[in-house]
């Protein structure tokens, strides 16, 4: 059974103008896939990297890897899902900017009753990212003081809430007083407005000269040195994104001179490579949402045809919380 659906495709790398809304043929699902009629699609910075070519992928291709919707059909070997299930996914092959699509079943989880499609689309990648950062990459026990950059962004606001739920003092960074206030309202212990304050000096003050055992940095190039300078000896620098551009040309000797530091560049995929691990991470995330420890803030909603404008908003650093595309 094949049907036509609308989807965003790019045929060349470039600015938002390369995003085209086209009709594509949606084939029946393969044996290990499910067909999902999508209700909401999550936007993430990584989508822009694929559009610009920073992350190369053979052209032409779709964009996006996160969405929520209803299962329409299941492949012959899929056991944990059935038609009619409310589902979501936070990583997938490129192509989430679409009305409907096929997704490998091991990347799809059922949504609990209390979580809406919009919330799930804004929550899955960002929430699962915080899960692996806080519970796997550096397992927070409670009581630690940590530094988290871009605390008012989509990942940041979830991180602020999760840290508070764990009893962790999260020092956030933000680019304006408004964003700092938002991070504070979501559970950050303290927030450094880096447009007015020196991050390293404030971390030193806030920790009584001790610095922090771990820094979570999704910003990249612009924050690299400040992150290293905020770490205790043998501390861990977790570089999980490059919103300001990639960190490159690193001299490993800097890690020695700044205190035998560790650095990791983790991704979600290697932390939830199987359905079982994905489900376990999602259960922890959904559990906190269910207990009202984490609530999703969606700052911006756009129609599928306006995906280009949505990406412009995301890249402008003027957005707060999640940004999603909504489908009828």
Protein backbone atom coordinates (compact mmCIF):
# COMPACT_ATOMS: atom_id res chain seq x y z
CA UNK A 1 0.00 0.00 0.00
CA UNK A 2 1.51 3.29 -1.10
CA UNK A 3 0.21 6.78 -0.49
CA UNK A 4 1.40 10.31 -1.10
CA UNK A 5 2.36 12.52 1.80
CA UNK A 6 3.78 16.01 2.13
CA UNK A 7 7.35 16.25 3.42
CA UNK A 8 10.22 18.72 3.58
CA UNK A 9 13.21 17.80 1.38
CA UNK A 10 16.49 19.49 0.52
CA UNK A 11 18.36 19.02 -2.76
CA UNK A 12 21.34 21.23 -1.87
CA UNK A 13 23.01 22.59 1.24
CA UNK A 14 22.43 26.19 2.22
CA UNK A 15 20.17 28.54 4.13
CA UNK A 16 16.51 28.02 5.08
CA UNK A 17 15.47 28.69 1.47
CA UNK A 18 16.70 25.20 0.45
CA UNK A 19 13.84 23.57 2.41
CA UNK A 20 11.13 22.52 -0.07
CA UNK A 21 7.67 21.13 0.73
CA UNK A 22 7.05 18.29 -1.74
CA UNK A 23 4.83 15.24 -2.21
CA UNK A 24 6.62 11.93 -1.64
CA UNK A 25 5.51 8.33 -1.96
CA UNK A 26 5.21 6.54 1.37
CA UNK A 27 5.66 2.79 0.89
CA UNK A 28 4.37 0.09 3.24
CA UNK A 29 6.62 -0.43 6.28
CA UNK A 30 9.52 -2.90 6.08
CA UNK A 31 9.38 -5.91 8.42
CA UNK A 32 11.12 -4.01 11.25
CA UNK A 33 9.44 -0.62 10.72
CA UNK A 34 6.23 1.15 11.73
CA UNK A 35 4.32 3.76 9.71
CA UNK A 36 3.53 6.81 11.86
CA UNK A 37 0.93 9.44 11.01
CA UNK A 38 2.67 12.39 12.64
CA UNK A 39 0.96 14.96 14.85
CA UNK A 40 3.95 17.05 15.97
CA UNK A 41 7.62 17.23 14.96
CA UNK A 42 10.48 18.41 17.19
CA UNK A 43 13.08 20.87 15.89
CA UNK A 44 16.70 20.66 16.99
CA UNK A 45 19.95 22.44 16.21
CA UNK A 46 21.27 19.29 14.55
CA UNK A 47 18.63 19.77 11.80
CA UNK A 48 20.38 23.00 10.83
CA UNK A 49 23.76 21.23 10.71
CA UNK A 50 22.34 18.74 8.18
CA UNK A 51 20.78 21.56 6.14
CA UNK A 52 24.02 23.56 6.03
CA UNK A 53 26.22 20.54 5.32
CA UNK A 54 28.20 20.76 8.58
CA UNK A 55 27.04 17.18 9.08
CA UNK A 56 27.31 15.62 5.61
CA UNK A 57 24.59 13.30 4.31
CA UNK A 58 23.93 12.20 0.72
CA UNK A 59 21.54 14.56 -1.09
CA UNK A 60 18.63 14.82 -1.61
CA UNK A 61 17.26 14.03 1.85
CA UNK A 62 14.66 14.93 4.45
CA UNK A 63 15.31 16.63 7.76
CA UNK A 64 14.48 16.01 11.39
CA UNK A 65 14.71 12.98 13.65
CA UNK A 66 12.08 13.56 16.35
CA UNK A 67 8.28 13.41 16.31
CA UNK A 68 5.12 12.00 17.86
CA UNK A 69 1.99 10.55 16.31
CA UNK A 70 -0.16 7.48 15.79
CA UNK A 71 0.94 4.12 14.40
CA UNK A 72 -0.88 3.39 11.12
CA UNK A 73 0.81 0.13 10.13
CA UNK A 74 3.43 -2.23 11.55
CA UNK A 75 5.99 -4.44 9.84
CA UNK A 76 5.74 -8.21 10.13
CA UNK A 77 8.43 -8.57 12.80
CA UNK A 78 7.36 -5.70 15.09
CA UNK A 79 6.09 -6.99 18.44
CA UNK A 80 5.95 -4.04 20.86
CA UNK A 81 3.68 -1.76 18.80
CA UNK A 82 0.34 -2.01 17.02
CA UNK A 83 -1.83 0.19 14.79
CA UNK A 84 -3.54 2.90 16.82
CA UNK A 85 -0.77 3.23 19.43
CA UNK A 86 0.23 6.76 20.45
CA UNK A 87 4.00 6.87 20.01
CA UNK A 88 7.07 9.08 19.88
CA UNK A 89 10.72 8.90 18.88
CA UNK A 90 13.70 11.13 19.56
CA UNK A 91 16.16 9.85 16.98
CA UNK A 92 15.63 8.22 13.62
CA UNK A 93 16.92 8.30 10.06
CA UNK A 94 16.49 11.81 8.63
CA UNK A 95 12.96 12.67 7.52
CA UNK A 96 10.78 13.64 10.49
CA UNK A 97 9.60 16.86 8.80
CA UNK A 98 6.71 14.99 7.15
CA UNK A 99 3.00 14.24 7.50
CA UNK A 100 3.68 10.52 7.81
CA UNK A 101 6.73 8.27 7.53
CA UNK A 102 8.27 4.90 8.29
CA UNK A 103 10.58 4.60 11.30
CA UNK A 104 12.64 1.64 12.59
CA UNK A 105 10.49 0.16 15.37
CA UNK A 106 13.38 -0.14 17.85
CA UNK A 107 13.57 3.68 17.93
CA UNK A 108 9.87 4.14 18.80
CA UNK A 109 8.26 4.08 22.26
CA UNK A 110 4.63 4.20 23.37
CA UNK A 111 3.46 7.44 24.95
CA UNK A 112 1.88 7.34 28.40
CA UNK A 113 -1.67 8.75 28.58
CA UNK A 114 -0.74 12.03 30.24
CA UNK A 115 1.77 13.19 27.61
CA UNK A 116 0.44 15.07 24.56
CA UNK A 117 1.84 14.74 21.04
CA UNK A 118 3.12 18.35 21.17
CA UNK A 119 4.87 17.77 24.48
CA UNK A 120 6.36 14.48 23.30
CA UNK A 121 7.75 16.07 20.13
CA UNK A 122 9.40 18.79 22.21
CA UNK A 123 10.56 16.34 24.85
CA UNK A 124 11.95 13.17 23.32
CA UNK A 125 15.38 14.12 21.99
CA UNK A 126 15.98 16.86 24.55
CA UNK A 127 14.71 14.80 27.47
CA UNK A 128 16.57 11.67 26.46
CA UNK A 129 19.67 13.83 25.99
CA UNK A 130 19.42 15.02 29.60
CA UNK A 131 18.81 11.43 30.71
CA UNK A 132 22.03 10.15 29.17
CA UNK A 133 24.03 13.24 30.24
CA UNK A 134 22.89 13.14 33.89
CA UNK A 135 22.38 9.40 34.38
CA UNK A 136 24.92 7.77 32.06
CA UNK A 137 27.75 10.05 30.81
CA UNK A 138 28.41 11.41 34.31
CA UNK A 139 25.99 9.81 36.73
CA UNK A 140 24.82 12.50 39.11
CA UNK A 141 24.07 11.21 42.60
CA UNK A 142 22.62 14.38 44.16
CA UNK A 143 24.50 17.06 46.05
CA UNK A 144 26.89 17.96 43.21
CA UNK A 145 27.30 21.48 41.85
CA UNK A 146 27.49 21.44 38.03
CA UNK A 147 27.78 23.92 35.15
CA UNK A 148 25.29 23.71 32.28
CA UNK A 149 25.55 26.10 29.32
CA UNK A 150 22.51 27.54 27.51
CA UNK A 151 20.28 26.76 30.47
CA UNK A 152 17.23 28.49 28.96
CA UNK A 153 17.28 26.47 25.72
CA UNK A 154 15.20 23.39 24.97
CA UNK A 155 17.67 20.95 26.55
CA UNK A 156 18.64 23.44 29.24
CA UNK A 157 15.17 23.94 30.72
CA UNK A 158 14.72 20.18 31.05
CA UNK A 159 18.19 19.93 32.59
CA UNK A 160 17.33 22.63 35.17
CA UNK A 161 14.23 20.70 36.24
CA UNK A 162 15.96 17.30 36.25
CA UNK A 163 18.89 18.64 38.31
CA UNK A 164 16.48 20.04 40.89
CA UNK A 165 14.65 16.71 41.06
CA UNK A 166 17.99 14.98 41.72
CA UNK A 167 19.05 17.48 44.40
CA UNK A 168 21.84 18.81 42.20
CA UNK A 169 22.87 22.50 42.20
CA UNK A 170 22.86 23.51 38.54
CA UNK A 171 24.74 26.69 37.63
CA UNK A 172 23.36 27.73 34.26
CA UNK A 173 24.58 30.22 31.69
CA UNK A 174 22.30 32.41 29.60
CA UNK A 175 22.62 35.38 27.24
CA UNK A 176 20.11 37.81 28.80
CA UNK A 177 18.40 38.64 32.11
CA UNK A 178 15.11 37.25 30.75
CA UNK A 179 16.68 33.90 29.87
CA UNK A 180 18.48 33.80 33.21
CA UNK A 181 15.16 34.35 35.02
CA UNK A 182 13.53 31.59 32.97
CA UNK A 183 16.28 29.09 33.86
CA UNK A 184 15.98 30.09 37.53
CA UNK A 185 12.20 29.58 37.40
CA UNK A 186 12.80 26.07 36.03
CA UNK A 187 15.06 25.01 38.88
CA UNK A 188 18.56 26.32 38.18
CA UNK A 189 20.40 27.04 41.45
CA UNK A 190 22.18 30.08 40.00
CA UNK A 191 22.43 31.53 36.48
CA UNK A 192 25.34 33.47 34.99
CA UNK A 193 24.36 36.08 32.39
CA UNK A 194 27.43 35.79 30.17
CA UNK A 195 26.59 39.01 28.32
CA UNK A 196 27.33 40.86 31.58
CA UNK A 197 29.34 38.49 33.79
CA UNK A 198 32.54 36.47 33.50
CA UNK A 199 31.56 32.79 33.61
CA UNK A 200 34.83 31.48 35.08
CA UNK A 201 34.98 34.14 37.82
CA UNK A 202 31.33 33.55 38.80
CA UNK A 203 31.78 29.77 38.93
CA UNK A 204 34.76 30.30 41.23
CA UNK A 205 32.70 32.60 43.48
CA UNK A 206 29.63 30.36 43.54
CA UNK A 207 31.65 27.26 44.43
CA UNK A 208 33.83 28.96 47.04
CA UNK A 209 36.88 28.47 44.86
CA UNK A 210 36.30 24.74 44.35
CA UNK A 211 35.00 24.80 40.74
CA UNK A 212 32.79 21.95 39.42
CA UNK A 213 33.36 18.23 38.75
CA UNK A 214 31.50 18.27 35.44
CA UNK A 215 30.53 20.82 32.76
CA UNK A 216 27.77 20.08 30.22
CA UNK A 217 28.41 22.14 27.11
CA UNK A 218 26.14 22.13 24.07
CA UNK A 219 27.43 25.48 22.80
CA UNK A 220 30.86 24.44 21.52
CA UNK A 221 33.51 26.80 20.23
CA UNK A 222 32.50 29.94 22.16
CA UNK A 223 32.41 28.27 25.58
CA UNK A 224 35.21 25.68 25.27
CA UNK A 225 37.87 27.52 27.28
CA UNK A 226 35.48 28.85 29.92
CA UNK A 227 34.23 25.30 30.40
CA UNK A 228 37.74 23.90 30.90
CA UNK A 229 38.59 26.74 33.29
CA UNK A 230 35.50 25.97 35.42
CA UNK A 231 36.52 22.35 36.07
CA UNK A 232 38.15 20.86 39.14
CA UNK A 233 41.34 18.85 38.60
CA UNK A 234 40.38 15.55 36.92
CA UNK A 235 36.97 17.01 36.10
CA UNK A 236 34.92 15.94 33.07
CA UNK A 237 34.12 18.23 30.16
CA UNK A 238 31.01 16.89 28.39
CA UNK A 239 30.82 18.52 24.95
CA UNK A 240 27.46 17.41 23.54
CA UNK A 241 26.74 20.03 20.87
CA UNK A 242 28.08 22.94 18.83
CA UNK A 243 25.45 25.67 18.65
CA UNK A 244 28.23 28.27 18.24
CA UNK A 245 30.32 26.13 15.89
CA UNK A 246 32.43 23.00 16.35
CA UNK A 247 35.39 22.75 18.70
CA UNK A 248 38.43 21.96 16.57
CA UNK A 249 42.21 22.33 16.57
CA UNK A 250 42.36 21.26 20.20
CA UNK A 251 45.80 20.87 21.73
CA UNK A 252 45.55 17.93 24.14
CA UNK A 253 48.24 19.52 26.31
CA UNK A 254 45.66 22.05 27.50
CA UNK A 255 43.95 19.24 29.43
CA UNK A 256 47.18 18.60 31.33
CA UNK A 257 47.87 22.24 32.17
CA UNK A 258 44.31 22.80 33.40
CA UNK A 259 44.33 19.83 35.79
CA UNK A 260 44.41 16.37 34.14
CA UNK A 261 40.95 16.98 32.70
CA UNK A 262 38.79 14.45 30.87
CA UNK A 263 36.77 15.31 27.75
CA UNK A 264 34.00 13.34 26.08
CA UNK A 265 31.87 14.04 22.99
CA UNK A 266 28.83 11.81 23.56
CA UNK A 267 25.73 11.22 21.43
CA UNK A 268 22.31 9.83 22.26
CA UNK A 269 22.61 6.97 19.77
CA UNK A 270 25.46 5.24 21.59
CA UNK A 271 23.65 5.53 24.93
CA UNK A 272 20.33 4.03 23.73
CA UNK A 273 21.43 1.67 20.94
CA UNK A 274 18.69 -0.94 21.60
CA UNK A 275 14.94 -0.78 22.16
CA UNK A 276 15.47 -2.01 25.74
CA UNK A 277 17.92 0.78 26.60
CA UNK A 278 15.73 3.38 24.87
CA UNK A 279 12.67 2.18 26.80
CA UNK A 280 14.55 2.30 30.12
CA UNK A 281 15.71 5.88 29.44
CA UNK A 282 12.21 6.92 28.28
CA UNK A 283 10.62 5.34 31.37
CA UNK A 284 12.83 7.48 33.62
CA UNK A 285 11.99 10.60 31.62
CA UNK A 286 8.23 9.89 31.42
CA UNK A 287 8.21 9.04 35.13
CA UNK A 288 9.50 12.51 36.02
CA UNK A 289 6.98 14.14 33.67
CA UNK A 290 4.21 12.06 35.23
CA UNK A 291 5.24 13.20 38.73
CA UNK A 292 5.26 16.84 37.51
CA UNK A 293 8.99 17.10 38.24
CA UNK A 294 9.53 18.00 34.56
CA UNK A 295 7.13 20.04 32.48
CA UNK A 296 7.68 20.85 28.84
CA UNK A 297 7.86 24.45 27.73
CA UNK A 298 7.08 24.92 24.04
CA UNK A 299 8.08 28.44 23.11
CA UNK A 300 7.33 28.32 19.39
CA UNK A 301 4.97 26.41 17.06
CA UNK A 302 5.10 26.45 13.25
CA UNK A 303 3.26 24.72 10.40
CA UNK A 304 5.16 22.11 8.34
CA UNK A 305 5.33 24.47 5.34
CA UNK A 306 7.04 27.06 7.57
CA UNK A 307 9.94 24.78 8.59
CA UNK A 308 12.43 27.28 7.15
CA UNK A 309 11.11 30.10 9.34
CA UNK A 310 11.18 27.74 12.31
CA UNK A 311 14.87 27.03 11.72
CA UNK A 312 15.62 30.75 11.39
CA UNK A 313 13.97 31.31 14.79
CA UNK A 314 15.99 28.46 16.32
CA UNK A 315 19.30 29.74 14.91
CA UNK A 316 18.63 33.31 16.08
CA UNK A 317 19.05 32.29 19.76
CA UNK A 318 15.83 34.18 20.46
CA UNK A 319 13.78 31.04 21.15
CA UNK A 320 13.09 29.64 24.60
CA UNK A 321 12.13 26.07 25.41
CA UNK A 322 11.12 23.74 22.59
CA UNK A 323 10.24 24.56 18.98
CA UNK A 324 7.88 22.25 17.11
CA UNK A 325 6.08 21.81 13.80
CA UNK A 326 2.40 20.95 14.25
CA UNK A 327 0.38 18.83 11.81
CA UNK A 328 -3.38 18.49 11.70
